[in-house]
Amino acid sequence: MKYLYFALIISICSCTTPNIDYLGNDYDSTDNVDVYFSPNDIDEYFSIMGQMNANNENDESLSLDDMKESMICEAKERGADAILFLDFESFDNLHYITADLLIYEY
């Protein structure tokens, strides 16, 4: 069943995706990732496990929402408990997004 779920995630994310760069730690994949846009909204104690940058230079038709969903999918694969979107810039149809991947401290 776990492999079927993984195959489903891969197929969903296999459409045209943004360029995603990641620097940080990897853990076992997760089924759910909490999404935050401000650190003030996070009630859990957490550590930053890595930073992710994405851009749509390879396909300018990708919207910010498409890129956000791809980054969430990547965060699940990396084993994050949450993703904190930090910044984005847009120039015409080019978009650049920066996020931190978080792991909760229990």
Foldseek 3Di string as FASTA:
>chain_A
DVVVVVVVLCVVLVDDAWDKDKDFAADAAADDAAEAADPVPDPFAKDFGIKMKTKRPVPLVQDPVRHVVNVRSVLRRRHANYKYWYDWDDDPSMIMTMITGIHGDD
